[in-house]
Protein backbone atom coordinates (compact mmCIF):
# COMPACT_ATOMS: atom_id res chain seq x y z
CA MET A 1 0.00 0.00 0.00
CA ASN A 2 2.90 2.22 0.59
CA THR A 3 3.92 1.96 -3.07
CA GLY A 4 0.37 2.86 -4.15
CA GLN A 5 0.50 6.14 -2.24
CA ASN A 6 3.97 6.93 -3.65
CA ARG A 7 2.69 6.29 -7.15
CA ILE A 8 -0.27 8.62 -6.55
CA PHE A 9 2.05 11.35 -5.22
CA ASP A 10 4.41 10.84 -8.18
CA GLU A 11 1.52 11.15 -10.63
CA LEU A 12 0.21 14.20 -8.78
CA ALA A 13 3.66 15.85 -8.85
CA LYS A 14 4.00 15.08 -12.57
CA LEU A 15 0.54 16.54 -13.20
CA MET A 16 1.41 19.72 -11.28
CA THR A 17 4.70 20.08 -13.17
CA ASP A 18 2.91 19.71 -16.50
CA ALA A 19 0.25 22.22 -15.43
CA ALA A 20 2.91 24.74 -14.41
CA GLY A 21 4.67 24.32 -17.75
CA ALA A 22 1.39 24.78 -19.63
CA ALA A 23 0.59 27.90 -17.59
CA GLN A 24 3.99 29.41 -18.44
CA GLY A 25 3.38 28.66 -22.11
CA VAL A 26 0.00 30.35 -21.99
CA ARG A 27 1.54 33.33 -20.19
CA ARG A 28 4.19 33.69 -22.92
CA GLU A 29 1.55 33.51 -25.66
CA VAL A 30 -0.59 36.16 -23.94
CA GLU A 31 2.43 38.44 -23.50
CA THR A 32 3.38 38.01 -27.16
CA ALA A 33 -0.16 38.75 -28.33
CA PHE A 34 -0.42 41.78 -26.05
CA ARG A 35 2.94 43.13 -27.18
CA ALA A 36 2.00 42.70 -30.85
CA GLN A 37 -1.33 44.48 -30.32
CA ALA A 38 0.36 47.33 -28.42
CA GLU A 39 2.93 47.76 -31.21
CA ARG A 40 0.12 47.89 -33.79
CA MET A 41 -1.71 50.55 -31.79
CA ILE A 42 1.43 52.65 -31.30
CA SER A 43 2.36 52.47 -34.97
CA SER A 44 -1.14 53.62 -35.95
CA MET A 45 -0.88 56.65 -33.62
CA ASP A 46 1.74 58.36 -35.81
CA LEU A 47 4.26 58.76 -32.98
CA VAL A 48 7.93 59.52 -33.57
CA GLN A 49 10.76 57.42 -32.29
CA ARG A 50 13.15 58.88 -29.73
CA GLU A 51 16.07 58.80 -32.20
CA GLU A 52 14.11 60.88 -34.72
CA PHE A 53 13.01 63.32 -32.02
CA GLU A 54 16.57 63.77 -30.75
CA ALA A 55 17.86 64.34 -34.30
CA VAL A 56 15.26 67.05 -34.98
CA ARG A 57 15.89 68.61 -31.57
CA GLU A 58 19.61 68.81 -32.28
CA MET A 59 18.89 70.43 -35.66
CA ALA A 60 16.65 73.00 -33.95
CA VAL A 61 19.36 73.85 -31.40
CA LYS A 62 21.90 74.35 -34.20
CA ALA A 63 19.45 76.46 -36.18
CA ARG A 64 18.73 78.65 -33.15
CA ALA A 65 22.46 79.20 -32.54
CA GLU A 66 22.98 80.06 -36.21
CA ASN A 67 20.00 82.44 -36.09
CA GLU A 68 21.43 84.24 -33.06
CA LYS A 69 24.82 84.49 -34.76
CA LEU A 70 23.24 85.94 -37.90
CA ALA A 71 21.15 88.39 -35.86
CA ALA A 72 24.31 89.66 -34.20
CA ARG A 73 26.01 89.99 -37.59
CA ILE A 74 23.05 91.94 -38.98
CA ALA A 75 23.11 94.26 -35.96
CA GLU A 76 26.83 94.81 -36.46
CA LEU A 77 26.41 95.58 -40.17
CA GLU A 78 23.48 97.93 -39.50
CA ALA A 79 25.52 99.73 -36.87
CA LYS A 80 28.43 100.15 -39.28
CA GLN A 81 26.11 101.44 -41.95
CA SER A 82 24.49 104.01 -39.67
CA GLY A 83 27.74 104.96 -37.96
CA LYS A 84 26.56 103.89 -34.48
CA PRO A 85 28.45 101.43 -32.28
CA ALA A 86 27.18 97.84 -32.53
CA LYS A 87 25.08 96.34 -29.74
CA PRO A 88 26.39 93.18 -28.09
CA ALA A 89 25.05 89.96 -29.66
CA ALA A 90 22.81 89.11 -26.71
CA ALA A 91 21.26 92.58 -26.67
CA ALA A 92 20.72 92.51 -30.44
CA ALA A 93 18.93 89.18 -30.23
CA LYS A 94 16.74 90.38 -27.33
CA SER A 95 15.87 93.73 -28.90
CA GLY A 96 14.53 92.04 -32.01
CA THR A 97 16.79 93.47 -34.68
CA SER A 98 16.34 90.40 -36.79
CA SER A 99 15.18 90.62 -40.37
CA ARG A 100 11.71 89.46 -39.33
CA SER A 101 11.19 92.38 -36.93
CA ARG A 102 12.51 94.87 -39.51
CA ALA A 103 10.09 93.54 -42.11
CA LYS A 104 7.15 94.23 -39.78
CA LYS A 105 8.12 97.88 -39.21
């Protein structure tokens, strides 16, 4: 009778091991399906990737620096033309002596 109980416990342990393995398999399948669905939803939302965002951000920073440099150069050239001393670059950028502000006047 002792061997009968051991056999029952062995079968029960084997059944539990198989059930745990099946549960892990189901969990992996659910995760894969969820991940695929989430990727489909994100791709349909027209979002940008971080790499693209960082590249555009870097371009904007460079463009802003170039714009400030050109605004200072314009202020210097305008000052030479009018015979007045040139404003410092920071003051020229803040006062709005860019070509856009002159076009509005």
